[in-house]
C-alpha atoms as a PDB file:
ATOM      1  CA  MET A   1       3.822  16.821  -5.915  1.00  0.00           C
ATOM      2  CA  ASN A   2       2.683  18.903  -8.825  1.00  0.00           C
ATOM      3  CA  LYS A   3      -1.806  18.882 -10.154  1.00  0.00           C
ATOM      4  CA  LYS A   4      -0.878  16.813 -12.769  1.00  0.00           C
ATOM      5  CA  ARG A   5       0.179  14.179 -10.406  1.00  0.00           C
ATOM      6  CA  GLY A   6      -3.035  15.057  -8.633  1.00  0.00           C
ATOM      7  CA  ALA A   7      -4.862  14.395 -11.335  1.00  0.00           C
ATOM      8  CA  ILE A   8      -3.719  10.995 -11.901  1.00  0.00           C
ATOM      9  CA  VAL A   9      -4.356   9.739  -8.904  1.00  0.00           C
ATOM     10  CA  ALA A  10      -8.205  11.145  -8.109  1.00  0.00           C
ATOM     11  CA  SER A  11      -7.876   9.215 -12.337  1.00  0.00           C
ATOM     12  CA  ALA A  12      -6.826   5.848 -10.520  1.00  0.00           C
ATOM     13  CA  ALA A  13     -11.035   5.948  -9.088  1.00  0.00           C
ATOM     14  CA  LEU A  14     -12.219   5.946 -12.285  1.00  0.00           C
ATOM     15  CA  ALA A  15      -9.788   3.670 -14.094  1.00  0.00           C
ATOM     16  CA  ILE A  16     -12.492   0.844 -13.854  1.00  0.00           C
ATOM     17  CA  THR A  17     -15.545   1.675 -14.629  1.00  0.00           C
ATOM     18  CA  ALA A  18     -13.264   4.024 -18.353  1.00  0.00           C
ATOM     19  CA  LEU A  19     -12.069   0.388 -19.418  1.00  0.00           C
ATOM     20  CA  PHE A  20     -15.925  -1.495 -18.966  1.00  0.00           C
ATOM     21  CA  THR A  21     -17.862   1.481 -20.453  1.00  0.00           C
ATOM     22  CA  SER A  22     -15.795   3.374 -22.616  1.00  0.00           C
ATOM     23  CA  SER A  23     -13.849   2.942 -25.736  1.00  0.00           C
ATOM     24  CA  LEU A  24     -11.065   5.105 -27.374  1.00  0.00           C
ATOM     25  CA  PRO A  25     -10.665   6.760 -31.026  1.00  0.00           C
ATOM     26  CA  ALA A  26      -9.933   4.730 -33.608  1.00  0.00           C
ATOM     27  CA  SER A  27      -8.017   7.246 -34.984  1.00  0.00           C
ATOM     28  CA  ALA A  28      -5.482   8.114 -31.530  1.00  0.00           C
ATOM     29  CA  ALA A  29      -1.985   7.989 -32.960  1.00  0.00           C
ATOM     30  CA  ALA A  30      -0.407   5.255 -32.119  1.00  0.00           C
ATOM     31  CA  VAL A  31       2.235   3.861 -28.655  1.00  0.00           C
ATOM     32  CA  ASP A  32       3.830   1.387 -27.781  1.00  0.00           C
ATOM     33  CA  ILE A  33       3.912   1.849 -23.999  1.00  0.00           C
ATOM     34  CA  ARG A  34       6.049  -0.940 -22.125  1.00  0.00           C
ATOM     35  CA  ILE A  35       5.386  -2.125 -18.714  1.00  0.00           C
ATOM     36  CA  GLY A  36       7.325  -3.480 -15.799  1.00  0.00           C
ATOM     37  CA  THR A  37       6.339  -4.297 -12.506  1.00  0.00           C
ATOM     38  CA  VAL A  38       7.716  -4.476  -8.789  1.00  0.00           C
ATOM     39  CA  GLN A  39       6.227  -6.409  -6.233  1.00  0.00           C
ATOM     40  CA  PRO A  40       6.908  -8.308  -3.080  1.00  0.00           C
ATOM     41  CA  MET A  41       5.657 -11.936  -4.683  1.00  0.00           C
ATOM     42  CA  THR A  42       7.273 -13.904  -2.628  1.00  0.00           C
ATOM     43  CA  GLY A  43       8.791 -12.447   1.005  1.00  0.00           C
ATOM     44  CA  ALA A  44       7.464 -14.073   4.105  1.00  0.00           C
ATOM     45  CA  GLY A  45       4.272 -11.855   5.413  1.00  0.00           C
ATOM     46  CA  PHE A  46       4.142  -8.901   1.866  1.00  0.00           C
ATOM     47  CA  ALA A  47       4.321 -12.262  -0.600  1.00  0.00           C
ATOM     48  CA  ALA A  48       0.081 -12.905  -0.989  1.00  0.00           C
ATOM     49  CA  TYR A  49       0.129  -8.514  -1.022  1.00  0.00           C
ATOM     50  CA  GLY A  50       3.128  -8.479  -3.953  1.00  0.00           C
ATOM     51  CA  THR A  51       1.395 -11.468  -5.352  1.00  0.00           C
ATOM     52  CA  GLY A  52      -2.068  -9.959  -5.930  1.00  0.00           C
ATOM     53  CA  LEU A  53      -0.549  -6.978  -7.193  1.00  0.00           C
ATOM     54  CA  ALA A  54       1.697  -7.971 -10.155  1.00  0.00           C
ATOM     55  CA  ASN A  55      -1.566  -9.725 -11.090  1.00  0.00           C
ATOM     56  CA  ALA A  56      -3.441  -7.675 -10.748  1.00  0.00           C
ATOM     57  CA  ALA A  57      -1.649  -5.385 -12.824  1.00  0.00           C
ATOM     58  CA  LYS A  58      -0.557  -8.200 -15.766  1.00  0.00           C
ATOM     59  CA  PHE A  59      -4.463  -8.456 -16.047  1.00  0.00           C
ATOM     60  CA  GLY A  60      -4.883  -4.125 -16.215  1.00  0.00           C
ATOM     61  CA  VAL A  61      -2.238  -4.459 -19.178  1.00  0.00           C
ATOM     62  CA  THR A  62      -4.528  -7.512 -20.894  1.00  0.00           C
ATOM     63  CA  SER A  63      -7.686  -5.571 -20.860  1.00  0.00           C
ATOM     64  CA  VAL A  64      -6.663  -2.295 -21.807  1.00  0.00           C
ATOM     65  CA  THR A  65      -5.175  -4.660 -24.736  1.00  0.00           C
ATOM     66  CA  THR A  66      -8.739  -6.290 -25.457  1.00  0.00           C
ATOM     67  CA  ALA A  67     -10.320  -2.513 -25.259  1.00  0.00           C
ATOM     68  CA  MET A  68      -7.683  -1.551 -28.160  1.00  0.00           C
ATOM     69  CA  THR A  69      -8.112  -4.694 -30.401  1.00  0.00           C
ATOM     70  CA  ALA A  70     -11.770  -3.770 -29.887  1.00  0.00           C
ATOM     71  CA  ALA A  71     -12.035  -0.394 -30.614  1.00  0.00           C
ATOM     72  CA  GLY A  72      -9.720  -0.929 -32.857  1.00  0.00           C
ATOM     73  CA  VAL A  73      -6.489   1.541 -31.531  1.00  0.00           C
ATOM     74  CA  ALA A  74      -3.497   0.986 -33.239  1.00  0.00           C
ATOM     75  CA  GLY A  75      -0.261   0.668 -30.741  1.00  0.00           C
ATOM     76  CA  SER A  76       0.163  -1.401 -28.017  1.00  0.00           C
ATOM     77  CA  CYS A  77       0.808  -1.339 -24.423  1.00  0.00           C
ATOM     78  CA  LYS A  78       2.777  -4.318 -22.705  1.00  0.00           C
ATOM     79  CA  MET A  79       3.224  -6.622 -19.257  1.00  0.00           C
ATOM     80  CA  ILE A  80       7.682  -6.578 -20.107  1.00  0.00           C
ATOM     81  CA  ALA A  81       8.309  -8.181 -17.041  1.00  0.00           C
ATOM     82  CA  GLN A  82       7.797  -8.292 -13.493  1.00  0.00           C
ATOM     83  CA  GLU A  83      10.295  -8.161 -11.033  1.00  0.00           C
ATOM     84  CA  ASP A  84      10.425 -10.235  -7.319  1.00  0.00           C
ATOM     85  CA  SER A  85      11.377  -7.685  -4.473  1.00  0.00           C
ATOM     86  CA  VAL A  86      10.905 -10.862  -2.245  1.00  0.00           C
ATOM     87  CA  SER A  87      10.485  -8.756   0.904  1.00  0.00           C
ATOM     88  CA  ASP A  88      10.384  -5.476  -0.630  1.00  0.00           C
ATOM     89  CA  ALA A  89      13.402  -3.271   0.611  1.00  0.00           C
ATOM     90  CA  PRO A  90      14.204  -0.895  -0.798  1.00  0.00           C
ATOM     91  CA  SER A  91      17.959  -2.382  -1.997  1.00  0.00           C
ATOM     92  CA  VAL A  92      16.156  -4.910  -3.812  1.00  0.00           C
ATOM     93  CA  ALA A  93      13.807  -3.059  -5.153  1.00  0.00           C
ATOM     94  CA  THR A  94      16.359  -0.168  -6.650  1.00  0.00           C
ATOM     95  CA  GLU A  95      18.124  -3.229  -8.287  1.00  0.00           C
ATOM     96  CA  ALA A  96      14.519  -4.808  -9.519  1.00  0.00           C
ATOM     97  CA  ALA A  97      13.376  -0.913 -11.139  1.00  0.00           C
ATOM     98  CA  THR A  98      17.239  -0.127 -12.513  1.00  0.00           C
ATOM     99  CA  LYS A  99      16.343  -3.632 -14.847  1.00  0.00           C
ATOM    100  CA  LEU A 100      13.027  -2.469 -15.889  1.00  0.00           C
ATOM    101  CA  VAL A 101      14.588   1.212 -16.948  1.00  0.00           C
ATOM    102  CA  LYS A 102      18.112   0.178 -18.244  1.00  0.00           C
ATOM    103  CA  SER A 103      17.968  -3.034 -20.028  1.00  0.00           C
ATOM    104  CA  ASP A 104      14.009  -3.960 -20.049  1.00  0.00           C
ATOM    105  CA  LYS A 105      13.021  -0.334 -21.010  1.00  0.00           C
ATOM    106  CA  VAL A 106       9.911   0.383 -19.515  1.00  0.00           C
ATOM    107  CA  ASN A 107       7.090   3.241 -20.300  1.00  0.00           C
ATOM    108  CA  PHE A 108       5.763   2.622 -16.739  1.00  0.00           C
ATOM    109  CA  ILE A 109       6.892   0.625 -13.370  1.00  0.00           C
ATOM    110  CA  VAL A 110       3.887  -0.575 -11.033  1.00  0.00           C
ATOM    111  CA  GLY A 111       5.050  -0.559  -7.815  1.00  0.00           C
ATOM    112  CA  SER A 112       5.577  -1.919  -5.190  1.00  0.00           C
ATOM    113  CA  LEU A 113       3.932  -2.721  -1.796  1.00  0.00           C
ATOM    114  CA  THR A 114       5.529  -0.710   0.058  1.00  0.00           C
ATOM    115  CA  SER A 115       6.484   3.425   1.076  1.00  0.00           C
ATOM    116  CA  GLY A 116      10.528   2.176   1.652  1.00  0.00           C
ATOM    117  CA  ALA A 117      10.836   0.389  -1.713  1.00  0.00           C
ATOM    118  CA  SER A 118       8.474   2.367  -3.738  1.00  0.00           C
ATOM    119  CA  LEU A 119      10.346   5.821  -3.047  1.00  0.00           C
ATOM    120  CA  ALA A 120      13.998   3.623  -4.315  1.00  0.00           C
ATOM    121  CA  ILE A 121      11.970   2.984  -7.308  1.00  0.00           C
ATOM    122  CA  GLY A 122      10.612   7.055  -7.274  1.00  0.00           C
ATOM    123  CA  ALA A 123      14.343   7.514  -7.187  1.00  0.00           C
ATOM    124  CA  VAL A 124      15.423   5.427 -10.233  1.00  0.00           C
ATOM    125  CA  THR A 125      12.587   6.772 -12.458  1.00  0.00           C
ATOM    126  CA  ALA A 126      14.304  10.762 -10.981  1.00  0.00           C
ATOM    127  CA  ALA A 127      17.207  10.125 -12.478  1.00  0.00           C
ATOM    128  CA  SER A 128      15.778   8.236 -15.686  1.00  0.00           C
ATOM    129  CA  THR A 129      14.404   9.952 -18.822  1.00  0.00           C
ATOM    130  CA  GLY A 130      10.911   9.440 -19.813  1.00  0.00           C
ATOM    131  CA  THR A 131      10.415   6.265 -17.066  1.00  0.00           C
ATOM    132  CA  LEU A 132       7.271   6.064 -14.719  1.00  0.00           C
ATOM    133  CA  ALA A 133       5.957   4.898 -11.838  1.00  0.00           C
ATOM    134  CA  ILE A 134       3.297   4.619 -10.345  1.00  0.00           C
ATOM    135  CA  ALA A 135       3.086   2.887  -6.366  1.00  0.00           C
ATOM    136  CA  SER A 136      -0.191   0.825  -6.333  1.00  0.00           C
ATOM    137  CA  ALA A 137       0.021   0.696  -2.648  1.00  0.00           C
ATOM    138  CA  ALA A 138       2.398   2.751  -1.200  1.00  0.00           C
ATOM    139  CA  SER A 139       1.168   5.291   1.695  1.00  0.00           C
ATOM    140  CA  SER A 140       3.719   7.009   3.701  1.00  0.00           C
ATOM    141  CA  PRO A 141       3.117  10.583   3.043  1.00  0.00           C
ATOM    142  CA  ALA A 142       7.230  10.981   1.558  1.00  0.00           C
ATOM    143  CA  LEU A 143       5.693   9.959  -1.407  1.00  0.00           C
ATOM    144  CA  THR A 144       3.728  13.680  -1.782  1.00  0.00           C
ATOM    145  CA  THR A 145       6.768  15.786  -1.218  1.00  0.00           C
ATOM    146  CA  PHE A 146       9.943  13.170  -1.783  1.00  0.00           C
ATOM    147  CA  LYS A 147      11.951  14.764  -4.683  1.00  0.00           C
ATOM    148  CA  ASP A 148      11.151  12.580  -7.926  1.00  0.00           C
ATOM    149  CA  ASN A 149      11.345  14.797 -10.526  1.00  0.00           C
ATOM    150  CA  ASP A 150       7.633  14.566 -11.021  1.00  0.00           C
ATOM    151  CA  THR A 151       8.003  10.771 -12.447  1.00  0.00           C
ATOM    152  CA  LEU A 152       6.359   8.870  -9.169  1.00  0.00           C
ATOM    153  CA  PHE A 153       3.267   8.784  -9.049  1.00  0.00           C
ATOM    154  CA  ARG A 154       0.366   6.714  -6.557  1.00  0.00           C
ATOM    155  CA  THR A 155      -2.972   5.293  -6.879  1.00  0.00           C
ATOM    156  CA  TYR A 156      -3.491   4.081  -3.197  1.00  0.00           C
ATOM    157  CA  PRO A 157      -4.789   7.215  -0.457  1.00  0.00           C
ATOM    158  CA  SER A 158      -1.881   8.511   1.469  1.00  0.00           C
ATOM    159  CA  ASP A 159      -2.199   7.960   5.641  1.00  0.00           C
ATOM    160  CA  LEU A 160      -2.911  11.199   5.573  1.00  0.00           C
ATOM    161  CA  LEU A 161      -6.068   9.864   5.031  1.00  0.00           C
ATOM    162  CA  GLN A 162      -5.841   7.578   7.658  1.00  0.00           C
ATOM    163  CA  ALA A 163      -4.566   9.086   9.792  1.00  0.00           C
ATOM    164  CA  GLN A 164      -8.652  10.917   9.956  1.00  0.00           C
ATOM    165  CA  ALA A 165     -10.088   8.006  10.057  1.00  0.00           C
ATOM    166  CA  LEU A 166      -8.064   6.975  12.781  1.00  0.00           C
ATOM    167  CA  VAL A 167      -8.947   9.558  14.410  1.00  0.00           C
ATOM    168  CA  LYS A 168     -12.423   9.628  13.781  1.00  0.00           C
ATOM    169  CA  ALA A 169     -13.039   5.498  14.529  1.00  0.00           C
ATOM    170  CA  ILE A 170     -10.750   6.285  18.421  1.00  0.00           C
ATOM    171  CA  SER A 171     -13.191   9.465  19.073  1.00  0.00           C
ATOM    172  CA  THR A 172     -16.586   7.392  18.489  1.00  0.00           C
ATOM    173  CA  ALA A 173     -14.948   4.263  20.982  1.00  0.00           C
ATOM    174  CA  TYR A 174     -13.519   6.526  22.937  1.00  0.00           C
ATOM    175  CA  SER A 175     -13.395  10.360  22.590  1.00  0.00           C
ATOM    176  CA  PRO A 176     -12.308  13.268  21.453  1.00  0.00           C
ATOM    177  CA  THR A 177      -9.459  14.256  23.972  1.00  0.00           C
ATOM    178  CA  ALA A 178      -8.873   9.970  25.295  1.00  0.00           C
ATOM    179  CA  TRP A 179      -5.004   9.291  26.005  1.00  0.00           C
ATOM    180  CA  VAL A 180      -3.730   6.729  22.833  1.00  0.00           C
ATOM    181  CA  THR A 181       0.144   5.778  22.926  1.00  0.00           C
ATOM    182  CA  VAL A 182       1.996   5.083  19.291  1.00  0.00           C
ATOM    183  CA  GLY A 183       3.489   1.986  18.183  1.00  0.00           C
ATOM    184  CA  ALA A 184       5.401   1.806  14.768  1.00  0.00           C
ATOM    185  CA  ILE A 185       7.901  -0.235  12.840  1.00  0.00           C
ATOM    186  CA  ASN A 186      10.536   2.140  12.249  1.00  0.00           C
ATOM    187  CA  ASN A 187      10.379   2.551   8.697  1.00  0.00           C
ATOM    188  CA  SER A 188       8.861   4.653   6.100  1.00  0.00           C
ATOM    189  CA  PHE A 189       5.106   3.470   6.532  1.00  0.00           C
ATOM    190  CA  GLY A 190       5.336   3.641  10.499  1.00  0.00           C
ATOM    191  CA  THR A 191       6.950   6.512  10.927  1.00  0.00           C
ATOM    192  CA  GLY A 192       5.387   8.460   8.630  1.00  0.00           C
ATOM    193  CA  LEU A 193       1.590   7.263   9.909  1.00  0.00           C
ATOM    194  CA  ALA A 194       2.757   7.705  12.709  1.00  0.00           C
ATOM    195  CA  ASN A 195       3.321  11.405  12.533  1.00  0.00           C
ATOM    196  CA  ALA A 196      -0.055  12.012  10.337  1.00  0.00           C
ATOM    197  CA  PHE A 197      -2.204   9.813  13.264  1.00  0.00           C
ATOM    198  CA  LYS A 198      -0.247  12.187  16.668  1.00  0.00           C
ATOM    199  CA  LYS A 199      -0.900  15.624  14.464  1.00  0.00           C
ATOM    200  CA  ALA A 200      -4.619  14.806  13.811  1.00  0.00           C
ATOM    201  CA  TRP A 201      -4.842  13.418  17.036  1.00  0.00           C
ATOM    202  CA  LEU A 202      -3.370  16.788  19.258  1.00  0.00           C
ATOM    203  CA  LYS A 203      -4.939  19.098  16.647  1.00  0.00           C
ATOM    204  CA  GLN A 204      -8.552  17.813  17.501  1.00  0.00           C
ATOM    205  CA  GLY A 205      -7.788  17.550  21.653  1.00  0.00           C
ATOM    206  CA  GLY A 206      -6.570  14.431  22.207  1.00  0.00           C
ATOM    207  CA  HIS A 207      -3.697  13.242  24.323  1.00  0.00           C
ATOM    208  CA  ILE A 208      -0.235  10.970  23.539  1.00  0.00           C
ATOM    209  CA  GLY A 209       0.555   9.203  25.824  1.00  0.00           C
ATOM    210  CA  GLY A 210       3.645   7.748  24.407  1.00  0.00           C
ATOM    211  CA  THR A 211       5.507   6.779  21.508  1.00  0.00           C
ATOM    212  CA  VAL A 212       7.590   3.435  20.913  1.00  0.00           C
ATOM    213  CA  LEU A 213       9.250   2.728  17.534  1.00  0.00           C
ATOM    214  CA  TRP A 214      11.027  -0.791  16.831  1.00  0.00           C
ATOM    215  CA  ASN A 215      12.490  -2.194  14.081  1.00  0.00           C
ATOM    216  CA  GLY A 216      11.396  -4.958  12.082  1.00  0.00           C
ATOM    217  CA  GLY A 217      13.419  -9.043  12.834  1.00  0.00           C
ATOM    218  CA  ALA A 218      14.050  -8.491  15.626  1.00  0.00           C
ATOM    219  CA  ALA A 219      15.112 -11.068  18.322  1.00  0.00           C
ATOM    220  CA  SER A 220      12.283 -10.538  21.296  1.00  0.00           C
ATOM    221  CA  TYR A 221      10.254  -7.337  21.298  1.00  0.00           C
ATOM    222  CA  ASP A 222      10.503  -7.925  25.308  1.00  0.00           C
ATOM    223  CA  SER A 223      11.674  -3.889  26.621  1.00  0.00           C
ATOM    224  CA  GLU A 224       9.441  -2.207  23.309  1.00  0.00           C
ATOM    225  CA  ALA A 225       6.404  -4.169  25.248  1.00  0.00           C
ATOM    226  CA  ALA A 226       7.275  -2.532  28.418  1.00  0.00           C
ATOM    227  CA  ALA A 227       7.777   0.543  27.533  1.00  0.00           C
ATOM    228  CA  LEU A 228       4.218   1.087  25.870  1.00  0.00           C
ATOM    229  CA  VAL A 229       2.510  -0.857  28.561  1.00  0.00           C
ATOM    230  CA  LYS A 230       4.404   2.167  31.278  1.00  0.00           C
ATOM    231  CA  THR A 231       2.392   5.007  29.441  1.00  0.00           C
ATOM    232  CA  LYS A 232      -0.917   6.251  29.779  1.00  0.00           C
ATOM    233  CA  ARG A 233      -3.290   5.573  27.842  1.00  0.00           C
ATOM    234  CA  ASP A 234      -6.723   4.951  27.199  1.00  0.00           C
ATOM    235  CA  ALA A 235      -6.617   3.115  23.259  1.00  0.00           C
ATOM    236  CA  PHE A 236      -2.809   1.895  21.454  1.00  0.00           C
ATOM    237  CA  VAL A 237      -2.583   2.499  17.303  1.00  0.00           C
ATOM    238  CA  PHE A 238       0.487   0.131  16.532  1.00  0.00           C
ATOM    239  CA  ILE A 239       1.015   0.753  13.035  1.00  0.00           C
ATOM    240  CA  ASP A 240       2.996  -2.413  12.813  1.00  0.00           C
ATOM    241  CA  TYR A 241       3.029  -5.776   9.800  1.00  0.00           C
ATOM    242  CA  PRO A 242       1.878  -9.211  10.956  1.00  0.00           C
ATOM    243  CA  ASP A 243       5.354 -10.692  10.750  1.00  0.00           C
ATOM    244  CA  SER A 244       6.465  -8.604  13.512  1.00  0.00           C
ATOM    245  CA  PHE A 245       3.616  -7.728  15.461  1.00  0.00           C
ATOM    246  CA  ALA A 246       3.560 -11.802  14.842  1.00  0.00           C
ATOM    247  CA  LYS A 247       6.379 -10.905  17.620  1.00  0.00           C
ATOM    248  CA  LEU A 248       5.327  -8.256  20.003  1.00  0.00           C
ATOM    249  CA  ALA A 249       2.120  -9.616  20.990  1.00  0.00           C
ATOM    250  CA  PRO A 250       3.172 -12.504  22.688  1.00  0.00           C
ATOM    251  CA  ALA A 251       5.961 -10.038  24.330  1.00  0.00           C
ATOM    252  CA  LEU A 252       2.775  -7.456  24.770  1.00  0.00           C
ATOM    253  CA  THR A 253       0.612 -10.047  26.510  1.00  0.00           C
ATOM    254  CA  ARG A 254       3.254 -11.345  28.874  1.00  0.00           C
ATOM    255  CA  THR A 255       3.536  -7.854  30.046  1.00  0.00           C
ATOM    256  CA  LYS A 256      -0.308  -8.694  31.860  1.00  0.00           C
ATOM    257  CA  LYS A 257      -1.219  -4.955  31.540  1.00  0.00           C
ATOM    258  CA  TRP A 258      -2.525  -5.171  27.672  1.00  0.00           C
ATOM    259  CA  LYS A 259      -5.671  -5.759  25.695  1.00  0.00           C
ATOM    260  CA  ALA A 260      -6.033  -6.285  22.310  1.00  0.00           C
ATOM    261  CA  SER A 261      -9.231  -4.829  22.718  1.00  0.00           C
ATOM    262  CA  THR A 262      -7.744  -1.169  23.448  1.00  0.00           C
ATOM    263  CA  THR A 263      -5.964  -1.818  20.237  1.00  0.00           C
ATOM    264  CA  PHE A 264      -6.560   0.022  17.062  1.00  0.00           C
ATOM    265  CA  MET A 265      -4.259  -1.082  13.864  1.00  0.00           C
ATOM    266  CA  THR A 266      -3.918   0.011  10.187  1.00  0.00           C
ATOM    267  CA  GLU A 267      -4.805  -2.001   6.265  1.00  0.00           C
ATOM    268  CA  ALA A 268      -1.321  -4.651   6.520  1.00  0.00           C
ATOM    269  CA  PHE A 269      -4.090  -6.592   9.002  1.00  0.00           C
ATOM    270  CA  ASN A 270      -7.147  -6.325   6.823  1.00  0.00           C
ATOM    271  CA  ASP A 271      -6.298  -9.685   5.688  1.00  0.00           C
ATOM    272  CA  ASP A 272      -6.559 -12.776   6.774  1.00  0.00           C
ATOM    273  CA  SER A 273      -3.362 -14.076   6.571  1.00  0.00           C
ATOM    274  CA  ALA A 274      -2.344 -11.263   8.938  1.00  0.00           C
ATOM    275  CA  VAL A 275      -4.573 -12.819  11.738  1.00  0.00           C
ATOM    276  CA  LYS A 276      -2.749 -16.905  10.431  1.00  0.00           C
ATOM    277  CA  THR A 277       0.243 -15.239  11.089  1.00  0.00           C
ATOM    278  CA  VAL A 278      -0.239 -13.800  14.053  1.00  0.00           C
ATOM    279  CA  GLY A 279      -2.532 -15.903  15.518  1.00  0.00           C
ATOM    280  CA  ALA A 280      -6.281 -15.298  16.184  1.00  0.00           C
ATOM    281  CA  SER A 281      -5.910 -14.737  20.646  1.00  0.00           C
ATOM    282  CA  PHE A 282      -3.428 -12.395  19.752  1.00  0.00           C
ATOM    283  CA  MET A 283      -6.084 -10.581  17.616  1.00  0.00           C
ATOM    284  CA  ASN A 284      -8.817 -10.798  18.957  1.00  0.00           C
ATOM    285  CA  GLY A 285     -10.548  -7.808  19.101  1.00  0.00           C
ATOM    286  CA  ILE A 286      -8.528  -6.007  17.931  1.00  0.00           C
ATOM    287  CA  ARG A 287     -10.648  -3.112  16.071  1.00  0.00           C
ATOM    288  CA  GLY A 288      -8.710  -1.594  12.222  1.00  0.00           C
ATOM    289  CA  THR A 289      -8.757   0.870   9.675  1.00  0.00           C
ATOM    290  CA  SER A 290      -7.931   0.546   5.587  1.00  0.00           C
ATOM    291  CA  ALA A 291      -8.932   1.819   2.020  1.00  0.00           C
ATOM    292  CA  LYS A 292     -10.324  -0.443  -0.860  1.00  0.00           C
ATOM    293  CA  THR A 293     -11.157  -0.561  -3.418  1.00  0.00           C
ATOM    294  CA  ASN A 294     -14.984   1.240  -4.521  1.00  0.00           C
ATOM    295  CA  GLY A 295     -16.641   2.581  -7.628  1.00  0.00           C
ATOM    296  CA  THR A 296     -19.148   1.395  -9.380  1.00  0.00           C
ATOM    297  CA  ALA A 297     -17.997  -1.100 -11.189  1.00  0.00           C
ATOM    298  CA  ALA A 298     -15.453  -3.029  -8.091  1.00  0.00           C
ATOM    299  CA  ALA A 299     -17.660  -5.786  -7.981  1.00  0.00           C
ATOM    300  CA  ALA A 300     -17.660  -6.288 -11.359  1.00  0.00           C
ATOM    301  CA  TRP A 301     -13.935  -6.082 -11.430  1.00  0.00           C
ATOM    302  CA  SER A 302     -13.744  -8.280  -8.858  1.00  0.00           C
ATOM    303  CA  THR A 303     -16.092 -11.268 -10.620  1.00  0.00           C
ATOM    304  CA  ALA A 304     -13.464 -10.631 -13.990  1.00  0.00           C
ATOM    305  CA  PHE A 305     -10.623 -10.745 -12.350  1.00  0.00           C
ATOM    306  CA  LYS A 306     -11.181 -13.708  -9.558  1.00  0.00           C
ATOM    307  CA  ALA A 307     -12.345 -16.023 -13.547  1.00  0.00           C
ATOM    308  CA  ALA A 308      -8.966 -14.600 -14.720  1.00  0.00           C
ATOM    309  CA  TYR A 309      -7.256 -15.583 -11.942  1.00  0.00           C
ATOM    310  CA  PRO A 310      -8.861 -17.701  -9.952  1.00  0.00           C
ATOM    311  CA  THR A 311      -5.860 -18.929  -7.885  1.00  0.00           C
ATOM    312  CA  ASN A 312      -4.880 -15.248  -6.913  1.00  0.00           C
ATOM    313  CA  PRO A 313      -5.086 -15.726  -2.748  1.00  0.00           C
ATOM    314  CA  GLY A 314      -6.819 -12.011  -3.271  1.00  0.00           C
ATOM    315  CA  THR A 315      -6.351  -8.771  -0.948  1.00  0.00           C
ATOM    316  CA  PHE A 316      -8.330  -5.113  -0.459  1.00  0.00           C
ATOM    317  CA  VAL A 317      -5.080  -4.410  -2.525  1.00  0.00           C
ATOM    318  CA  ASP A 318      -5.418  -5.636  -5.711  1.00  0.00           C
ATOM    319  CA  GLY A 319      -7.891  -2.919  -7.282  1.00  0.00           C
ATOM    320  CA  SER A 320      -4.716  -0.657  -7.152  1.00  0.00           C
ATOM    321  CA  GLY A 321      -2.522  -2.371  -9.216  1.00  0.00           C
ATOM    322  CA  PHE A 322      -4.724  -3.100 -11.204  1.00  0.00           C
ATOM    323  CA  ASP A 323      -4.897   1.075 -11.104  1.00  0.00           C
ATOM    324  CA  ALA A 324      -1.798   2.201 -11.660  1.00  0.00           C
ATOM    325  CA  ALA A 325      -1.489  -0.690 -15.377  1.00  0.00           C
ATOM    326  CA  VAL A 326      -4.862   1.173 -16.223  1.00  0.00           C
ATOM    327  CA  LEU A 327      -2.531   4.193 -16.058  1.00  0.00           C
ATOM    328  CA  GLY A 328       0.307   3.310 -17.200  1.00  0.00           C
ATOM    329  CA  CYS A 329      -1.278   1.891 -20.415  1.00  0.00           C
END
């Protein structure tokens, strides 16, 4: 990631404020921008997030168009197509992004929710001639070093930042030298954050009792649960999605050696639907860290978005989808 990409990411935090408080010069050259999205709008466990991100991106395009019209600015920004990546499998995201680039001729792709799918989209834009992608919720550090021909950006913070937040939270709850066992889903998101956390935790003098990875979609997680509770630890860090943790949590409970109150999780569980998927009895006592949309105009934006999309599921990442679309326009 070069300095130009860093500038784009930094400006995302200002996008909402700029939209509502600034006007564009009427003499600006006319440019017609074509936007497309790739989000998991129907997949189990992801639909609320993907639908919200897609709606937010569409709201961003509409908002920019309204601002351009009011300011008398020539040109346009249009939402051309919104592709459903279902459960955000990289292969499906690749197919959707290829359609947007080759058939729909978009200039920008907003998406996707997960890091693996976003990297797949980046591979498509890297091979394109002029299409850029802005990942709207992907947090893996791998996006920073990915060989994307400078075409893949993001509006959601890297897990290098979340790793530091986890370190602070666990240090406060236990001690900076506590023993922590790390469990993670075996994909770009899980391994990326797990490695970032372990590096940060060891650097400050903490201890790692063990690391256990698992694959999503397994019928049972009994062996992983057994491996987790055999480790020396004061606390657990689990990096997972609700669907797979809904199977892992009961397996951990059956060992009679796991307490939810010793567990820390991340933004994938920062939503009421996650508690419903896993079960409140398993989630009760779990703590965690998460990024959120912030800024001087965040509250006003939230009110406007809800008015425009009253049935939107509403998750903490919606604002990132809006920012991505505004930056694309």
